[in-house]
């Protein structure tokens, strides 16, 4: 199972990412920001001690403990006495399920993702674009011993992601250019596209054929084929991907797998009443 996290550009601890704040945004509440930071750190682990959590969140242990006590009172975090570790609480699940209830793509997509996984034997992911990152919101994991795996909520740089590139390809030129001006293109492997020119060229090809390929651009030895899902306004709101080792997603199998991914994305688009901008070839 492959689950190597991508390195991310560093920023001062405790500060939100610049692409999340509008120029005229009001000042943030520092205590709330720190508490949300603790939740985000905890969400990436199965349990953490106070020392581990405060260190990773960049907070003093006393500050972290005070905030955790407040979060615990609302069941957003929980304390396990035997292991002496903090973890995400049951109330966080309820809040997260509200996102799933309002998002028709998740409800409609699950059966189609399962169908695609069973047809191909590879892990299937559903993700959405958030700025210049993709956020994984659903996954159907295959049973192969060597397989792709992402935690729900994981973020990846869009330029080195199959789903990311599938969704970037659908943006208006001015929107894409604005993102490129604010973000660098970090290199994760020798195959990562690290110049705006190379990325634009790839996105143009993706837009023309209707599917994208992450060709070992995030992790050596792993490939990903992806296609966009459109809403009723013809906007690409999410992407479906098929991920696995390059040996199984070989060049001779790629056309068939790409067609299967596109067909899955088209079915989900139809199920949510969406409009496919780039119809499938007969």
Protein backbone atom coordinates (compact mmCIF):
# COMPACT_ATOMS: atom_id res chain seq x y z
CA UNK A 1 0.00 0.00 0.00
CA UNK A 2 1.43 3.35 -1.06
CA UNK A 3 0.64 6.38 1.07
CA UNK A 4 3.62 8.72 0.88
CA UNK A 5 2.57 12.25 1.78
CA UNK A 6 3.57 15.03 -0.55
CA UNK A 7 5.87 17.69 0.86
CA UNK A 8 4.09 21.02 1.06
CA UNK A 9 5.53 24.54 0.92
CA UNK A 10 6.16 25.80 4.45
CA UNK A 11 4.32 28.72 5.98
CA UNK A 12 4.38 30.30 9.45
CA UNK A 13 2.63 28.06 11.97
CA UNK A 14 -0.81 29.16 13.07
CA UNK A 15 -1.49 31.21 9.96
CA UNK A 16 -4.06 30.26 7.30
CA UNK A 17 -2.92 29.71 3.73
CA UNK A 18 -2.83 32.89 1.70
CA UNK A 19 -5.11 31.47 -0.99
CA UNK A 20 -7.85 31.07 1.63
CA UNK A 21 -7.96 34.75 2.63
CA UNK A 22 -9.48 37.49 0.54
CA UNK A 23 -7.63 40.83 0.47
CA UNK A 24 -10.43 42.46 2.46
CA UNK A 25 -10.97 39.56 4.87
CA UNK A 26 -11.39 40.54 8.54
CA UNK A 27 -8.77 39.58 11.10
CA UNK A 28 -9.06 35.95 12.22
CA UNK A 29 -9.79 34.84 15.77
CA UNK A 30 -6.47 33.50 17.02
CA UNK A 31 -7.90 31.10 19.62
CA UNK A 32 -10.36 29.65 17.12
CA UNK A 33 -7.61 29.37 14.52
CA UNK A 34 -5.42 27.44 16.96
CA UNK A 35 -8.27 25.13 17.95
CA UNK A 36 -9.05 24.38 14.30
CA UNK A 37 -5.36 23.75 13.73
CA UNK A 38 -5.41 21.12 16.47
CA UNK A 39 -8.39 19.41 14.82
CA UNK A 40 -6.63 19.36 11.47
CA UNK A 41 -3.49 17.85 12.97
CA UNK A 42 -5.50 15.22 14.85
CA UNK A 43 -7.48 14.32 11.72
CA UNK A 44 -4.28 13.13 10.06
CA UNK A 45 -3.43 10.70 12.88
CA UNK A 46 -5.12 7.85 14.70
CA UNK A 47 -4.15 9.23 18.11
CA UNK A 48 -1.56 11.62 19.51
CA UNK A 49 -0.11 12.45 22.90
CA UNK A 50 -0.30 16.02 24.14
CA UNK A 51 3.44 16.43 23.52
CA UNK A 52 3.18 15.15 19.93
CA UNK A 53 0.09 17.21 19.18
CA UNK A 54 1.36 20.48 20.62
CA UNK A 55 4.70 20.09 18.85
CA UNK A 56 3.14 19.42 15.44
CA UNK A 57 0.59 22.20 15.87
CA UNK A 58 3.29 24.65 16.95
CA UNK A 59 1.63 25.43 20.28
CA UNK A 60 2.72 25.44 23.88
CA UNK A 61 1.53 22.31 25.67
CA UNK A 62 -0.47 24.39 28.16
CA UNK A 63 -2.25 26.24 25.34
CA UNK A 64 -2.98 23.01 23.48
CA UNK A 65 -4.34 21.37 26.63
CA UNK A 66 -6.68 24.29 27.33
CA UNK A 67 -8.04 24.24 23.79
CA UNK A 68 -8.40 20.45 23.84
CA UNK A 69 -10.44 20.68 27.03
CA UNK A 70 -12.89 23.02 25.30
CA UNK A 71 -13.07 20.82 22.19
CA UNK A 72 -13.56 17.75 24.39
CA UNK A 73 -16.50 19.40 26.14
CA UNK A 74 -18.19 19.51 22.73
CA UNK A 75 -17.13 15.93 21.82
CA UNK A 76 -15.01 17.22 18.95
CA UNK A 77 -11.99 15.42 20.41
CA UNK A 78 -11.74 12.53 22.84
CA UNK A 79 -9.18 11.46 25.44
CA UNK A 80 -8.20 7.81 25.82
CA UNK A 81 -6.91 7.21 29.35
CA UNK A 82 -5.16 3.83 28.75
CA UNK A 83 -3.10 5.08 25.79
CA UNK A 84 -2.83 8.67 27.04
CA UNK A 85 -3.70 9.93 23.56
CA UNK A 86 -6.10 12.41 22.01
CA UNK A 87 -8.13 11.63 18.90
CA UNK A 88 -10.99 13.05 16.82
CA UNK A 89 -14.35 12.86 18.64
CA UNK A 90 -17.76 11.59 17.56
CA UNK A 91 -19.19 15.10 17.10
CA UNK A 92 -16.61 15.77 14.40
CA UNK A 93 -18.09 12.84 12.47
CA UNK A 94 -21.58 14.31 12.70
CA UNK A 95 -20.34 17.65 11.43
CA UNK A 96 -18.47 15.96 8.59
CA UNK A 97 -21.56 13.99 7.60
CA UNK A 98 -23.38 17.29 7.02
CA UNK A 99 -21.02 17.90 4.10
CA UNK A 100 -21.82 14.46 2.71
CA UNK A 101 -25.58 14.97 3.07
CA UNK A 102 -25.55 18.19 1.10
CA UNK A 103 -23.22 16.91 -1.58
CA UNK A 104 -25.06 14.82 -4.15
CA UNK A 105 -21.83 13.81 -5.86
CA UNK A 106 -20.78 11.74 -2.84
CA UNK A 107 -24.12 9.95 -2.62
CA UNK A 108 -24.38 9.27 -6.33
CA UNK A 109 -20.69 8.53 -6.75
CA UNK A 110 -20.22 5.72 -4.24
CA UNK A 111 -21.98 2.93 -6.21
CA UNK A 112 -20.25 3.97 -9.42
CA UNK A 113 -16.86 4.05 -7.69
CA UNK A 114 -17.44 0.54 -6.37
CA UNK A 115 -18.42 -0.62 -9.85
CA UNK A 116 -15.24 0.84 -11.34
CA UNK A 117 -13.04 -0.71 -8.64
CA UNK A 118 -14.58 -4.16 -9.23
CA UNK A 119 -14.16 -3.82 -13.00
CA UNK A 120 -10.49 -2.78 -12.84
CA UNK A 121 -9.13 -4.10 -9.55
CA UNK A 122 -7.65 -0.69 -8.74
CA UNK A 123 -8.35 1.93 -6.07
CA UNK A 124 -10.89 4.59 -7.05
CA UNK A 125 -10.91 8.10 -5.57
CA UNK A 126 -13.23 11.08 -5.61
CA UNK A 127 -11.72 14.50 -4.94
CA UNK A 128 -12.54 18.18 -5.26
CA UNK A 129 -10.46 21.22 -6.12
CA UNK A 130 -9.73 23.73 -3.36
CA UNK A 131 -7.54 26.53 -4.61
CA UNK A 132 -4.48 24.85 -6.08
CA UNK A 133 -4.98 21.64 -4.11
CA UNK A 134 -7.25 18.62 -4.43
CA UNK A 135 -9.02 17.28 -1.35
CA UNK A 136 -9.92 13.59 -1.29
CA UNK A 137 -13.53 13.15 -0.14
CA UNK A 138 -14.25 9.47 -0.91
CA UNK A 139 -12.38 6.29 -1.77
CA UNK A 140 -13.07 2.67 -2.70
CA UNK A 141 -9.88 0.78 -1.97
CA UNK A 142 -8.92 -2.33 -3.92
CA UNK A 143 -7.57 -5.48 -2.28
CA UNK A 144 -4.27 -5.74 -4.15
CA UNK A 145 -1.25 -5.86 -1.80
CA UNK A 146 0.39 -2.97 -3.66
CA UNK A 147 -2.16 -0.21 -4.11
CA UNK A 148 -2.74 3.50 -3.84
CA UNK A 149 -4.22 4.85 -0.61
CA UNK A 150 -5.26 8.31 0.53
CA UNK A 151 -6.90 9.35 3.77
CA UNK A 152 -10.21 11.13 3.38
CA UNK A 153 -9.40 14.82 3.74
CA UNK A 154 -5.86 14.43 2.39
CA UNK A 155 -4.63 17.27 0.20
CA UNK A 156 -2.35 17.04 -2.83
CA UNK A 157 -0.89 19.66 -5.12
CA UNK A 158 -3.19 19.88 -8.12
CA UNK A 159 -0.40 20.06 -10.70
CA UNK A 160 0.93 16.63 -9.62
CA UNK A 161 -2.44 14.91 -9.32
CA UNK A 162 -4.59 13.17 -11.92
CA UNK A 163 -7.80 14.62 -10.51
CA UNK A 164 -6.09 17.95 -9.94
CA UNK A 165 -5.08 18.28 -13.57
CA UNK A 166 -8.48 17.05 -14.80
CA UNK A 167 -10.12 19.88 -12.84
CA UNK A 168 -7.51 22.53 -13.61
CA UNK A 169 -8.07 21.80 -17.31
CA UNK A 170 -11.69 22.92 -16.94
CA UNK A 171 -10.92 26.30 -15.37
CA UNK A 172 -11.22 29.52 -17.29
CA UNK A 173 -7.85 30.83 -18.45
CA UNK A 174 -7.98 33.87 -16.18
CA UNK A 175 -8.75 31.71 -13.13
CA UNK A 176 -5.89 29.33 -13.92
CA UNK A 177 -3.46 32.19 -14.49
CA UNK A 178 -4.42 33.76 -11.16
CA UNK A 179 -3.66 30.48 -9.38
CA UNK A 180 -0.33 30.07 -11.17
CA UNK A 181 0.74 33.56 -10.14
CA UNK A 182 0.15 32.77 -6.47
CA UNK A 183 1.63 29.29 -6.32
CA UNK A 184 4.90 27.60 -7.20
CA UNK A 185 4.95 24.16 -8.81
CA UNK A 186 6.94 21.95 -6.38
CA UNK A 187 8.80 18.98 -7.84
CA UNK A 188 8.01 15.61 -6.25
CA UNK A 189 9.60 13.32 -8.85
CA UNK A 190 11.68 13.80 -12.02
CA UNK A 191 8.39 13.63 -13.98
CA UNK A 192 6.57 16.41 -12.12
CA UNK A 193 5.53 19.33 -14.34
CA UNK A 194 7.31 22.26 -12.72
CA UNK A 195 6.88 25.09 -15.24
CA UNK A 196 3.63 26.91 -16.12
CA UNK A 197 4.34 26.28 -19.81
CA UNK A 198 4.59 22.50 -19.36
CA UNK A 199 1.46 22.46 -17.22
CA UNK A 200 -0.55 24.56 -19.67
CA UNK A 201 0.43 22.26 -22.53
CA UNK A 202 -0.66 19.18 -20.59
CA UNK A 203 -3.93 20.81 -19.54
CA UNK A 204 -4.70 21.65 -23.16
CA UNK A 205 -4.25 17.99 -24.14
CA UNK A 206 -6.37 16.87 -21.16
CA UNK A 207 -9.17 19.23 -22.14
CA UNK A 208 -9.17 17.89 -25.69
CA UNK A 209 -9.29 14.16 -24.81
CA UNK A 210 -11.43 14.37 -21.65
CA UNK A 211 -9.13 12.59 -19.19
CA UNK A 212 -5.85 13.21 -17.41
CA UNK A 213 -2.82 11.15 -16.50
CA UNK A 214 -0.56 11.46 -13.48
CA UNK A 215 2.40 9.60 -14.94
CA UNK A 216 4.54 9.06 -11.82
CA UNK A 217 4.43 12.82 -11.23
CA UNK A 218 3.66 12.53 -7.50
CA UNK A 219 5.17 9.12 -6.68
CA UNK A 220 7.61 7.05 -8.73
CA UNK A 221 6.02 3.76 -9.75
CA UNK A 222 2.42 4.99 -9.38
CA UNK A 223 0.04 6.20 -12.08
CA UNK A 224 -3.40 7.77 -11.94
CA UNK A 225 -6.07 8.26 -14.62
CA UNK A 226 -8.82 10.80 -13.90
CA UNK A 227 -11.83 12.55 -15.41
CA UNK A 228 -14.07 15.43 -14.26
CA UNK A 229 -17.64 15.28 -12.96
CA UNK A 230 -19.87 18.18 -14.01
CA UNK A 231 -22.86 19.78 -12.28
CA UNK A 232 -26.07 21.10 -13.85
CA UNK A 233 -24.28 24.30 -14.88
CA UNK A 234 -21.53 22.49 -16.76
CA UNK A 235 -18.99 23.24 -14.02
CA UNK A 236 -16.41 20.62 -13.07
CA UNK A 237 -17.16 20.12 -9.37
CA UNK A 238 -15.20 16.93 -8.67
CA UNK A 239 -13.03 14.31 -10.29
CA UNK A 240 -12.92 10.51 -10.35
CA UNK A 241 -9.57 8.73 -10.53
CA UNK A 242 -8.20 5.24 -10.88
CA UNK A 243 -4.81 4.82 -9.17
CA UNK A 244 -2.33 1.99 -9.08
CA UNK A 245 1.19 0.79 -9.85
CA UNK A 246 2.58 1.75 -13.26
CA UNK A 247 3.08 -1.94 -14.07
CA UNK A 248 -0.68 -2.51 -13.85
CA UNK A 249 -1.62 0.82 -15.44
CA UNK A 250 0.70 0.15 -18.37
CA UNK A 251 0.65 1.93 -21.71
CA UNK A 252 -1.23 -0.91 -23.41
CA UNK A 253 -3.97 -0.85 -20.73
CA UNK A 254 -4.17 2.91 -20.45
CA UNK A 255 -6.72 3.59 -23.25
CA UNK A 256 -9.19 1.08 -21.83
CA UNK A 257 -8.76 2.32 -18.25
CA UNK A 258 -9.13 5.93 -19.37
CA UNK A 259 -12.38 5.08 -21.16
CA UNK A 260 -13.69 3.31 -18.06
CA UNK A 261 -12.88 6.31 -15.89
CA UNK A 262 -14.55 8.70 -18.33
CA UNK A 263 -17.65 6.53 -18.48
CA UNK A 264 -17.82 6.45 -14.68
CA UNK A 265 -17.50 10.23 -14.48
CA UNK A 266 -20.20 10.58 -17.15
CA UNK A 267 -22.60 8.32 -15.23
CA UNK A 268 -22.10 10.27 -12.01
CA UNK A 269 -22.60 13.50 -13.95
CA UNK A 270 -25.91 12.15 -15.28
CA UNK A 271 -27.02 10.93 -11.84
CA UNK A 272 -26.68 14.41 -10.33
CA UNK A 273 -28.37 16.08 -13.29
CA UNK A 274 -25.12 17.44 -14.63
CA UNK A 275 -24.11 18.40 -18.11
CA UNK A 276 -21.09 16.75 -19.76
CA UNK A 277 -19.19 19.45 -21.64
CA UNK A 278 -16.97 17.04 -23.57
CA UNK A 279 -19.24 14.16 -24.68
CA UNK A 280 -17.81 10.67 -24.92
CA UNK A 281 -16.74 9.55 -28.36
CA UNK A 282 -19.01 6.87 -29.82
